[in-house]
């Protein structure tokens, strides 16, 4: 399925929102699974729309995770922001290094 640029942008906003909720622990979707699924769906949308190869997507997961952390940093408030960002960084590293396997089977 081909997605529009607005679909991809909306999915990116969702990823940022879930990452912020995960880092802060505030909101309805604070769990890691919300973030992981949304992050992986974003890459699936890119592959389907932009014609990117699976190898390209795997190689760029870390760059996108870094971009995501930078965007979330602006949303995280409080004196414990370092702890919140460390939690997010740990989660993103795990998500980046464990991409989904075809047919929904997980490692």
PDB file of N, CA and C in Angstrom:
ATOM      1  N   UNK A   1       0.841  -1.184   0.000  1.00  0.00           N
ATOM      2  CA  UNK A   1       0.000   0.000   0.000  1.00  0.00           C
ATOM      3  C   UNK A   1       0.885   1.246   0.000  1.00  0.00           C
ATOM      4  N   UNK A   2       0.518   2.194  -0.795  1.00  0.00           N
ATOM      5  CA  UNK A   2       1.242   3.468  -0.842  1.00  0.00           C
ATOM      6  C   UNK A   2       0.605   4.444   0.136  1.00  0.00           C
ATOM      7  N   UNK A   3       1.462   5.107   0.878  1.00  0.00           N
ATOM      8  CA  UNK A   3       0.993   6.089   1.848  1.00  0.00           C
ATOM      9  C   UNK A   3       1.342   7.485   1.343  1.00  0.00           C
ATOM     10  N   UNK A   4       0.552   8.451   1.719  1.00  0.00           N
ATOM     11  CA  UNK A   4       0.839   9.830   1.357  1.00  0.00           C
ATOM     12  C   UNK A   4       1.861  10.405   2.341  1.00  0.00           C
ATOM     13  N   UNK A   5       2.427  11.536   1.953  1.00  0.00           N
ATOM     14  CA  UNK A   5       3.366  12.208   2.857  1.00  0.00           C
ATOM     15  C   UNK A   5       2.681  12.604   4.156  1.00  0.00           C
ATOM     16  N   UNK A   6       1.404  12.972   4.074  1.00  0.00           N
ATOM     17  CA  UNK A   6       0.689  13.342   5.304  1.00  0.00           C
ATOM     18  C   UNK A   6       0.473  12.120   6.204  1.00  0.00           C
ATOM     19  N   UNK A   7       0.278  10.931   5.603  1.00  0.00           N
ATOM     20  CA  UNK A   7       0.171   9.700   6.402  1.00  0.00           C
ATOM     21  C   UNK A   7       1.478   9.436   7.153  1.00  0.00           C
ATOM     22  N   UNK A   8       2.585   9.594   6.443  1.00  0.00           N
ATOM     23  CA  UNK A   8       3.898   9.352   7.045  1.00  0.00           C
ATOM     24  C   UNK A   8       4.176  10.388   8.128  1.00  0.00           C
ATOM     25  N   UNK A   9       3.807  11.630   7.866  1.00  0.00           N
ATOM     26  CA  UNK A   9       4.008  12.688   8.863  1.00  0.00           C
ATOM     27  C   UNK A   9       3.156  12.425  10.107  1.00  0.00           C
ATOM     28  N   UNK A  10       1.931  11.986   9.909  1.00  0.00           N
ATOM     29  CA  UNK A  10       1.054  11.673  11.040  1.00  0.00           C
ATOM     30  C   UNK A  10       1.620  10.515  11.860  1.00  0.00           C
ATOM     31  N   UNK A  11       2.175   9.520  11.170  1.00  0.00           N
ATOM     32  CA  UNK A  11       2.775   8.386  11.891  1.00  0.00           C
ATOM     33  C   UNK A  11       3.998   8.852  12.670  1.00  0.00           C
ATOM     34  N   UNK A  12       4.812   9.752  12.087  1.00  0.00           N
ATOM     35  CA  UNK A  12       5.969  10.279  12.806  1.00  0.00           C
ATOM     36  C   UNK A  12       5.519  11.016  14.069  1.00  0.00           C
ATOM     37  N   UNK A  13       4.474  11.819  13.951  1.00  0.00           N
ATOM     38  CA  UNK A  13       3.953  12.530  15.122  1.00  0.00           C
ATOM     39  C   UNK A  13       3.485  11.544  16.197  1.00  0.00           C
ATOM     40  N   UNK A  14       2.905  10.440  15.769  1.00  0.00           N
ATOM     41  CA  UNK A  14       2.480   9.404  16.717  1.00  0.00           C
ATOM     42  C   UNK A  14       3.700   8.796  17.422  1.00  0.00           C
ATOM     43  N   UNK A  15       4.748   8.517  16.659  1.00  0.00           N
ATOM     44  CA  UNK A  15       5.975   7.955  17.243  1.00  0.00           C
ATOM     45  C   UNK A  15       6.543   8.917  18.287  1.00  0.00           C
ATOM     46  N   UNK A  16       6.601  10.202  17.954  1.00  0.00           N
ATOM     47  CA  UNK A  16       7.108  11.208  18.895  1.00  0.00           C
ATOM     48  C   UNK A  16       6.236  11.247  20.145  1.00  0.00           C
ATOM     49  N   UNK A  17       4.933  11.201  19.962  1.00  0.00           N
ATOM     50  CA  UNK A  17       4.010  11.230  21.095  1.00  0.00           C
ATOM     51  C   UNK A  17       4.209  10.014  21.993  1.00  0.00           C
ATOM     52  N   UNK A  18       4.287   8.819  21.406  1.00  0.00           N
ATOM     53  CA  UNK A  18       4.466   7.604  22.205  1.00  0.00           C
ATOM     54  C   UNK A  18       5.824   7.606  22.897  1.00  0.00           C
ATOM     55  N   UNK A  19       6.849   8.118  22.227  1.00  0.00           N
ATOM     56  CA  UNK A  19       8.179   8.184  22.838  1.00  0.00           C
ATOM     57  C   UNK A  19       8.180   9.149  24.024  1.00  0.00           C
ATOM     58  N   UNK A  20       7.492  10.262  23.878  1.00  0.00           N
ATOM     59  CA  UNK A  20       7.390  11.229  24.977  1.00  0.00           C
ATOM     60  C   UNK A  20       6.654  10.609  26.155  1.00  0.00           C
ATOM     61  N   UNK A  21       5.543   9.920  25.873  1.00  0.00           N
ATOM     62  CA  UNK A  21       4.787   9.273  26.937  1.00  0.00           C
ATOM     63  C   UNK A  21       5.615   8.180  27.618  1.00  0.00           C
ATOM     64  N   UNK A  22       6.379   7.446  26.840  1.00  0.00           N
ATOM     65  CA  UNK A  22       7.222   6.399  27.413  1.00  0.00           C
ATOM     66  C   UNK A  22       8.297   6.998  28.318  1.00  0.00           C
ATOM     67  N   UNK A  23       8.916   8.072  27.866  1.00  0.00           N
ATOM     68  CA  UNK A  23       9.994   8.701  28.636  1.00  0.00           C
ATOM     69  C   UNK A  23       9.471   9.318  29.927  1.00  0.00           C
ATOM     70  N   UNK A  24       8.327   9.970  29.848  1.00  0.00           N
ATOM     71  CA  UNK A  24       7.809  10.695  31.013  1.00  0.00           C
ATOM     72  C   UNK A  24       6.950   9.836  31.931  1.00  0.00           C
ATOM     73  N   UNK A  25       6.410   8.754  31.384  1.00  0.00           N
ATOM     74  CA  UNK A  25       5.500   7.933  32.168  1.00  0.00           C
ATOM     75  C   UNK A  25       4.132   8.577  32.321  1.00  0.00           C
ATOM     76  N   UNK A  26       3.857   9.600  31.535  1.00  0.00           N
ATOM     77  CA  UNK A  26       2.584  10.315  31.598  1.00  0.00           C
ATOM     78  C   UNK A  26       1.793  10.067  30.322  1.00  0.00           C
ATOM     79  N   UNK A  27       0.539   9.751  30.463  1.00  0.00           N
ATOM     80  CA  UNK A  27      -0.314   9.513  29.313  1.00  0.00           C
ATOM     81  C   UNK A  27      -0.864   8.095  29.330  1.00  0.00           C
ATOM     82  N   UNK A  28      -1.637   7.772  28.323  1.00  0.00           N
ATOM     83  CA  UNK A  28      -2.281   6.462  28.255  1.00  0.00           C
ATOM     84  C   UNK A  28      -1.406   5.402  27.602  1.00  0.00           C
ATOM     85  N   UNK A  29      -0.400   5.823  26.875  1.00  0.00           N
ATOM     86  CA  UNK A  29       0.421   4.872  26.118  1.00  0.00           C
ATOM     87  C   UNK A  29       1.889   4.982  26.547  1.00  0.00           C
ATOM     88  N   UNK A  30       2.153   4.605  27.767  1.00  0.00           N
ATOM     89  CA  UNK A  30       3.498   4.750  28.319  1.00  0.00           C
ATOM     90  C   UNK A  30       4.359   3.513  28.112  1.00  0.00           C
ATOM     91  N   UNK A  31       3.746   2.409  27.738  1.00  0.00           N
ATOM     92  CA  UNK A  31       4.478   1.150  27.602  1.00  0.00           C
ATOM     93  C   UNK A  31       5.391   1.124  26.391  1.00  0.00           C
ATOM     94  N   UNK A  32       6.396   0.315  26.500  1.00  0.00           N
ATOM     95  CA  UNK A  32       7.395   0.164  25.439  1.00  0.00           C
ATOM     96  C   UNK A  32       6.753  -0.365  24.156  1.00  0.00           C
ATOM     97  N   UNK A  33       5.795  -1.245  24.278  1.00  0.00           N
ATOM     98  CA  UNK A  33       5.201  -1.883  23.099  1.00  0.00           C
ATOM     99  C   UNK A  33       4.516  -0.877  22.178  1.00  0.00           C
ATOM    100  N   UNK A  34       3.865   0.133  22.743  1.00  0.00           N
ATOM    101  CA  UNK A  34       3.235   1.181  21.918  1.00  0.00           C
ATOM    102  C   UNK A  34       4.297   1.853  21.059  1.00  0.00           C
ATOM    103  N   UNK A  35       5.407   2.218  21.684  1.00  0.00           N
ATOM    104  CA  UNK A  35       6.493   2.898  20.986  1.00  0.00           C
ATOM    105  C   UNK A  35       7.115   1.983  19.938  1.00  0.00           C
ATOM    106  N   UNK A  36       7.390   0.760  20.322  1.00  0.00           N
ATOM    107  CA  UNK A  36       8.028  -0.189  19.403  1.00  0.00           C
ATOM    108  C   UNK A  36       7.167  -0.435  18.166  1.00  0.00           C
ATOM    109  N   UNK A  37       5.902  -0.703  18.370  1.00  0.00           N
ATOM    110  CA  UNK A  37       5.009  -0.965  17.237  1.00  0.00           C
ATOM    111  C   UNK A  37       4.896   0.249  16.321  1.00  0.00           C
ATOM    112  N   UNK A  38       4.761   1.416  16.906  1.00  0.00           N
ATOM    113  CA  UNK A  38       4.633   2.631  16.116  1.00  0.00           C
ATOM    114  C   UNK A  38       5.923   2.920  15.339  1.00  0.00           C
ATOM    115  N   UNK A  39       7.061   2.761  15.988  1.00  0.00           N
ATOM    116  CA  UNK A  39       8.369   2.964  15.349  1.00  0.00           C
ATOM    117  C   UNK A  39       8.518   2.015  14.151  1.00  0.00           C
ATOM    118  N   UNK A  40       8.178   0.751  14.340  1.00  0.00           N
ATOM    119  CA  UNK A  40       8.298  -0.227  13.255  1.00  0.00           C
ATOM    120  C   UNK A  40       7.292   0.035  12.141  1.00  0.00           C
ATOM    121  N   UNK A  41       6.090   0.482  12.488  1.00  0.00           N
ATOM    122  CA  UNK A  41       5.098   0.826  11.469  1.00  0.00           C
ATOM    123  C   UNK A  41       5.580   2.005  10.622  1.00  0.00           C
ATOM    124  N   UNK A  42       6.240   2.951  11.254  1.00  0.00           N
ATOM    125  CA  UNK A  42       6.799   4.093  10.526  1.00  0.00           C
ATOM    126  C   UNK A  42       7.777   3.612   9.453  1.00  0.00           C
ATOM    127  N   UNK A  43       8.634   2.673   9.802  1.00  0.00           N
ATOM    128  CA  UNK A  43       9.591   2.159   8.828  1.00  0.00           C
ATOM    129  C   UNK A  43       8.916   1.349   7.731  1.00  0.00           C
ATOM    130  N   UNK A  44       7.880   0.627   8.074  1.00  0.00           N
ATOM    131  CA  UNK A  44       7.121  -0.115   7.067  1.00  0.00           C
ATOM    132  C   UNK A  44       6.484   0.848   6.071  1.00  0.00           C
ATOM    133  N   UNK A  45       5.938   1.943   6.583  1.00  0.00           N
ATOM    134  CA  UNK A  45       5.339   2.947   5.707  1.00  0.00           C
ATOM    135  C   UNK A  45       6.386   3.554   4.774  1.00  0.00           C
ATOM    136  N   UNK A  46       7.570   3.827   5.302  1.00  0.00           N
ATOM    137  CA  UNK A  46       8.644   4.369   4.459  1.00  0.00           C
ATOM    138  C   UNK A  46       9.014   3.388   3.357  1.00  0.00           C
ATOM    139  N   UNK A  47       9.145   2.127   3.711  1.00  0.00           N
ATOM    140  CA  UNK A  47       9.516   1.110   2.727  1.00  0.00           C
ATOM    141  C   UNK A  47       8.462   0.992   1.637  1.00  0.00           C
ATOM    142  N   UNK A  48       7.203   0.993   2.040  1.00  0.00           N
ATOM    143  CA  UNK A  48       6.118   0.836   1.077  1.00  0.00           C
ATOM    144  C   UNK A  48       5.967   2.049   0.167  1.00  0.00           C
ATOM    145  N   UNK A  49       6.254   3.222   0.685  1.00  0.00           N
ATOM    146  CA  UNK A  49       6.006   4.446  -0.062  1.00  0.00           C
ATOM    147  C   UNK A  49       7.218   4.931  -0.825  1.00  0.00           C
ATOM    148  N   UNK A  50       8.344   4.909  -0.173  1.00  0.00           N
ATOM    149  CA  UNK A  50       9.549   5.471  -0.779  1.00  0.00           C
ATOM    150  C   UNK A  50      10.354   4.451  -1.571  1.00  0.00           C
ATOM    151  N   UNK A  51       9.932   3.197  -1.567  1.00  0.00           N
ATOM    152  CA  UNK A  51      10.637   2.167  -2.319  1.00  0.00           C
ATOM    153  C   UNK A  51      12.004   1.853  -1.733  1.00  0.00           C
ATOM    154  N   UNK A  52      12.127   1.995  -0.447  1.00  0.00           N
ATOM    155  CA  UNK A  52      13.407   1.725   0.209  1.00  0.00           C
ATOM    156  C   UNK A  52      13.569   0.220   0.415  1.00  0.00           C
ATOM    157  N   UNK A  53      14.803  -0.235   0.314  1.00  0.00           N
ATOM    158  CA  UNK A  53      15.077  -1.647   0.544  1.00  0.00           C
ATOM    159  C   UNK A  53      15.102  -1.933   2.035  1.00  0.00           C
ATOM    160  N   UNK A  54      14.948  -3.196   2.380  1.00  0.00           N
ATOM    161  CA  UNK A  54      15.006  -3.601   3.787  1.00  0.00           C
ATOM    162  C   UNK A  54      16.375  -3.258   4.377  1.00  0.00           C
ATOM    163  N   UNK A  55      17.437  -3.411   3.590  1.00  0.00           N
ATOM    164  CA  UNK A  55      18.789  -3.089   4.072  1.00  0.00           C
ATOM    165  C   UNK A  55      18.914  -1.605   4.396  1.00  0.00           C
ATOM    166  N   UNK A  56      18.342  -0.759   3.552  1.00  0.00           N
ATOM    167  CA  UNK A  56      18.384   0.684   3.819  1.00  0.00           C
ATOM    168  C   UNK A  56      17.678   0.994   5.127  1.00  0.00           C
ATOM    169  N   UNK A  57      16.516   0.367   5.326  1.00  0.00           N
ATOM    170  CA  UNK A  57      15.737   0.629   6.524  1.00  0.00           C
ATOM    171  C   UNK A  57      16.480   0.203   7.781  1.00  0.00           C
ATOM    172  N   UNK A  58      17.097  -0.962   7.750  1.00  0.00           N
ATOM    173  CA  UNK A  58      17.847  -1.442   8.913  1.00  0.00           C
ATOM    174  C   UNK A  58      19.006  -0.493   9.205  1.00  0.00           C
ATOM    175  N   UNK A  59      19.684  -0.022   8.174  1.00  0.00           N
ATOM    176  CA  UNK A  59      20.811   0.883   8.352  1.00  0.00           C
ATOM    177  C   UNK A  59      20.429   2.247   8.891  1.00  0.00           C
ATOM    178  N   UNK A  60      19.206   2.661   8.687  1.00  0.00           N
ATOM    179  CA  UNK A  60      18.782   3.999   9.099  1.00  0.00           C
ATOM    180  C   UNK A  60      17.962   4.029  10.391  1.00  0.00           C
ATOM    181  N   UNK A  61      17.717   2.883  10.975  1.00  0.00           N
ATOM    182  CA  UNK A  61      16.939   2.834  12.217  1.00  0.00           C
ATOM    183  C   UNK A  61      17.614   3.630  13.332  1.00  0.00           C
ATOM    184  N   UNK A  62      18.935   3.508  13.432  1.00  0.00           N
ATOM    185  CA  UNK A  62      19.647   4.213  14.496  1.00  0.00           C
ATOM    186  C   UNK A  62      19.610   5.727  14.292  1.00  0.00           C
ATOM    187  N   UNK A  63      19.744   6.173  13.057  1.00  0.00           N
ATOM    188  CA  UNK A  63      19.670   7.607  12.773  1.00  0.00           C
ATOM    189  C   UNK A  63      18.299   8.174  13.126  1.00  0.00           C
ATOM    190  N   UNK A  64      17.266   7.445  12.786  1.00  0.00           N
ATOM    191  CA  UNK A  64      15.916   7.908  13.089  1.00  0.00           C
ATOM    192  C   UNK A  64      15.679   7.892  14.599  1.00  0.00           C
ATOM    193  N   UNK A  65      16.217   6.909  15.301  1.00  0.00           N
ATOM    194  CA  UNK A  65      16.081   6.868  16.760  1.00  0.00           C
ATOM    195  C   UNK A  65      16.762   8.078  17.396  1.00  0.00           C
ATOM    196  N   UNK A  66      17.904   8.473  16.862  1.00  0.00           N
ATOM    197  CA  UNK A  66      18.591   9.659  17.384  1.00  0.00           C
ATOM    198  C   UNK A  66      17.765  10.914  17.125  1.00  0.00           C
ATOM    199  N   UNK A  67      17.198  11.015  15.933  1.00  0.00           N
ATOM    200  CA  UNK A  67      16.330  12.156  15.607  1.00  0.00           C
ATOM    201  C   UNK A  67      15.128  12.190  16.546  1.00  0.00           C
ATOM    202  N   UNK A  68      14.578  11.017  16.815  1.00  0.00           N
ATOM    203  CA  UNK A  68      13.433  10.913  17.706  1.00  0.00           C
ATOM    204  C   UNK A  68      13.798  11.390  19.113  1.00  0.00           C
ATOM    205  N   UNK A  69      14.932  10.961  19.620  1.00  0.00           N
ATOM    206  CA  UNK A  69      15.357  11.368  20.961  1.00  0.00           C
ATOM    207  C   UNK A  69      15.537  12.882  21.043  1.00  0.00           C
ATOM    208  N   UNK A  70      16.059  13.475  19.995  1.00  0.00           N
ATOM    209  CA  UNK A  70      16.249  14.933  19.974  1.00  0.00           C
ATOM    210  C   UNK A  70      14.894  15.639  20.017  1.00  0.00           C
ATOM    211  N   UNK A  71      13.928  15.142  19.253  1.00  0.00           N
ATOM    212  CA  UNK A  71      12.596  15.759  19.270  1.00  0.00           C
ATOM    213  C   UNK A  71      11.924  15.616  20.631  1.00  0.00           C
ATOM    214  N   UNK A  72      12.071  14.454  21.240  1.00  0.00           N
ATOM    215  CA  UNK A  72      11.438  14.200  22.532  1.00  0.00           C
ATOM    216  C   UNK A  72      12.083  15.047  23.621  1.00  0.00           C
ATOM    217  N   UNK A  73      13.367  15.311  23.508  1.00  0.00           N
ATOM    218  CA  UNK A  73      14.077  16.098  24.522  1.00  0.00           C
ATOM    219  C   UNK A  73      13.382  17.424  24.789  1.00  0.00           C
ATOM    220  N   UNK A  74      12.838  18.035  23.759  1.00  0.00           N
ATOM    221  CA  UNK A  74      12.122  19.296  23.926  1.00  0.00           C
ATOM    222  C   UNK A  74      10.809  19.156  24.673  1.00  0.00           C
ATOM    223  N   UNK A  75      10.276  17.930  24.741  1.00  0.00           N
ATOM    224  CA  UNK A  75       9.000  17.689  25.408  1.00  0.00           C
ATOM    225  C   UNK A  75       9.146  17.228  26.851  1.00  0.00           C
ATOM    226  N   UNK A  76      10.357  16.857  27.245  1.00  0.00           N
ATOM    227  CA  UNK A  76      10.581  16.305  28.580  1.00  0.00           C
ATOM    228  C   UNK A  76      10.955  17.429  29.536  1.00  0.00           C
ATOM    229  N   UNK A  77      10.196  17.539  30.595  1.00  0.00           N
ATOM    230  CA  UNK A  77      10.408  18.607  31.575  1.00  0.00           C
ATOM    231  C   UNK A  77      10.727  18.006  32.930  1.00  0.00           C
ATOM    232  N   UNK A  78      11.228  18.833  33.819  1.00  0.00           N
ATOM    233  CA  UNK A  78      11.462  18.414  35.195  1.00  0.00           C
ATOM    234  C   UNK A  78      12.936  18.220  35.497  1.00  0.00           C
ATOM    235  N   UNK A  79      13.220  18.110  36.773  1.00  0.00           N
ATOM    236  CA  UNK A  79      14.610  17.968  37.201  1.00  0.00           C
ATOM    237  C   UNK A  79      15.168  16.587  36.891  1.00  0.00           C
ATOM    238  N   UNK A  80      14.286  15.614  36.668  1.00  0.00           N
ATOM    239  CA  UNK A  80      14.747  14.255  36.375  1.00  0.00           C
ATOM    240  C   UNK A  80      14.745  13.941  34.877  1.00  0.00           C
ATOM    241  N   UNK A  81      14.888  14.972  34.053  1.00  0.00           N
ATOM    242  CA  UNK A  81      14.830  14.754  32.608  1.00  0.00           C
ATOM    243  C   UNK A  81      15.943  13.826  32.130  1.00  0.00           C
ATOM    244  N   UNK A  82      17.091  13.834  32.808  1.00  0.00           N
ATOM    245  CA  UNK A  82      18.194  12.943  32.400  1.00  0.00           C
ATOM    246  C   UNK A  82      17.793  11.482  32.583  1.00  0.00           C
ATOM    247  N   UNK A  83      17.127  11.181  33.680  1.00  0.00           N
ATOM    248  CA  UNK A  83      16.667   9.813  33.915  1.00  0.00           C
ATOM    249  C   UNK A  83      15.630   9.404  32.875  1.00  0.00           C
ATOM    250  N   UNK A  84      14.733  10.320  32.558  1.00  0.00           N
ATOM    251  CA  UNK A  84      13.695  10.043  31.564  1.00  0.00           C
ATOM    252  C   UNK A  84      14.312   9.793  30.188  1.00  0.00           C
ATOM    253  N   UNK A  85      15.288  10.617  29.823  1.00  0.00           N
ATOM    254  CA  UNK A  85      15.928  10.446  28.525  1.00  0.00           C
ATOM    255  C   UNK A  85      16.784   9.186  28.491  1.00  0.00           C
ATOM    256  N   UNK A  86      17.396   8.832  29.598  1.00  0.00           N
ATOM    257  CA  UNK A  86      18.180   7.592  29.661  1.00  0.00           C
ATOM    258  C   UNK A  86      17.261   6.382  29.444  1.00  0.00           C
ATOM    259  N   UNK A  87      16.073   6.432  30.052  1.00  0.00           N
ATOM    260  CA  UNK A  87      15.091   5.358  29.864  1.00  0.00           C
ATOM    261  C   UNK A  87      14.715   5.248  28.391  1.00  0.00           C
ATOM    262  N   UNK A  88      14.449   6.391  27.765  1.00  0.00           N
ATOM    263  CA  UNK A  88      14.089   6.392  26.348  1.00  0.00           C
ATOM    264  C   UNK A  88      15.246   5.889  25.492  1.00  0.00           C
ATOM    265  N   UNK A  89      16.456   6.351  25.769  1.00  0.00           N
ATOM    266  CA  UNK A  89      17.626   5.910  24.999  1.00  0.00           C
ATOM    267  C   UNK A  89      17.813   4.402  25.081  1.00  0.00           C
ATOM    268  N   UNK A  90      17.669   3.836  26.276  1.00  0.00           N
ATOM    269  CA  UNK A  90      17.813   2.387  26.440  1.00  0.00           C
ATOM    270  C   UNK A  90      16.757   1.639  25.632  1.00  0.00           C
ATOM    271  N   UNK A  91      15.531   2.124  25.696  1.00  0.00           N
ATOM    272  CA  UNK A  91      14.446   1.490  24.952  1.00  0.00           C
ATOM    273  C   UNK A  91      14.685   1.580  23.450  1.00  0.00           C
ATOM    274  N   UNK A  92      15.084   2.758  22.967  1.00  0.00           N
ATOM    275  CA  UNK A  92      15.322   2.933  21.532  1.00  0.00           C
ATOM    276  C   UNK A  92      16.479   2.071  21.045  1.00  0.00           C
ATOM    277  N   UNK A  93      17.527   1.950  21.843  1.00  0.00           N
ATOM    278  CA  UNK A  93      18.650   1.076  21.450  1.00  0.00           C
ATOM    279  C   UNK A  93      18.173  -0.350  21.265  1.00  0.00           C
ATOM    280  N   UNK A  94      17.347  -0.814  22.176  1.00  0.00           N
ATOM    281  CA  UNK A  94      16.830  -2.176  22.071  1.00  0.00           C
ATOM    282  C   UNK A  94      15.929  -2.334  20.850  1.00  0.00           C
ATOM    283  N   UNK A  95      15.079  -1.362  20.600  1.00  0.00           N
ATOM    284  CA  UNK A  95      14.190  -1.417  19.436  1.00  0.00           C
ATOM    285  C   UNK A  95      15.006  -1.398  18.142  1.00  0.00           C
ATOM    286  N   UNK A  96      16.008  -0.540  18.084  1.00  0.00           N
ATOM    287  CA  UNK A  96      16.834  -0.407  16.877  1.00  0.00           C
ATOM    288  C   UNK A  96      17.571  -1.701  16.571  1.00  0.00           C
ATOM    289  N   UNK A  97      18.118  -2.324  17.596  1.00  0.00           N
ATOM    290  CA  UNK A  97      18.950  -3.506  17.383  1.00  0.00           C
ATOM    291  C   UNK A  97      18.162  -4.804  17.320  1.00  0.00           C
ATOM    292  N   UNK A  98      16.851  -4.721  17.465  1.00  0.00           N
ATOM    293  CA  UNK A  98      15.986  -5.896  17.362  1.00  0.00           C
ATOM    294  C   UNK A  98      14.805  -5.606  16.450  1.00  0.00           C
ATOM    295  N   UNK A  99      15.092  -5.399  15.151  1.00  0.00           N
ATOM    296  CA  UNK A  99      13.984  -5.103  14.231  1.00  0.00           C
ATOM    297  C   UNK A  99      13.057  -6.299  14.115  1.00  0.00           C
ATOM    298  N   UNK A 100      11.823  -6.048  13.724  1.00  0.00           N
ATOM    299  CA  UNK A 100      10.862  -7.160  13.607  1.00  0.00           C
ATOM    300  C   UNK A 100      11.302  -8.112  12.500  1.00  0.00           C
ATOM    301  N   UNK A 101      11.005  -9.364  12.711  1.00  0.00           N
ATOM    302  CA  UNK A 101      11.307 -10.392  11.714  1.00  0.00           C
ATOM    303  C   UNK A 101      10.054 -10.587  10.873  1.00  0.00           C
ATOM    304  N   UNK A 102      10.227 -10.982   9.631  1.00  0.00           N
ATOM    305  CA  UNK A 102       9.101 -11.182   8.729  1.00  0.00           C
ATOM    306  C   UNK A 102       8.044 -12.104   9.342  1.00  0.00           C
ATOM    307  N   UNK A 103       6.823 -11.913   8.976  1.00  0.00           N
ATOM    308  CA  UNK A 103       5.658 -12.683   9.393  1.00  0.00           C
ATOM    309  C   UNK A 103       5.376 -12.568  10.876  1.00  0.00           C
ATOM    310  N   UNK A 104       5.814 -11.502  11.526  1.00  0.00           N
ATOM    311  CA  UNK A 104       5.429 -11.248  12.900  1.00  0.00           C
ATOM    312  C   UNK A 104       6.151 -12.070  13.950  1.00  0.00           C
ATOM    313  N   UNK A 105       7.106 -12.893  13.560  1.00  0.00           N
ATOM    314  CA  UNK A 105       7.841 -13.687  14.529  1.00  0.00           C
ATOM    315  C   UNK A 105       8.909 -12.797  15.154  1.00  0.00           C
ATOM    316  N   UNK A 106       9.001 -12.845  16.474  1.00  0.00           N
ATOM    317  CA  UNK A 106       9.946 -11.994  17.180  1.00  0.00           C
ATOM    318  C   UNK A 106      11.092 -12.834  17.723  1.00  0.00           C
ATOM    319  N   UNK A 107      12.250 -12.208  17.848  1.00  0.00           N
ATOM    320  CA  UNK A 107      13.397 -12.895  18.449  1.00  0.00           C
ATOM    321  C   UNK A 107      13.216 -13.001  19.924  1.00  0.00           C
TER     322      UNK A 107
END
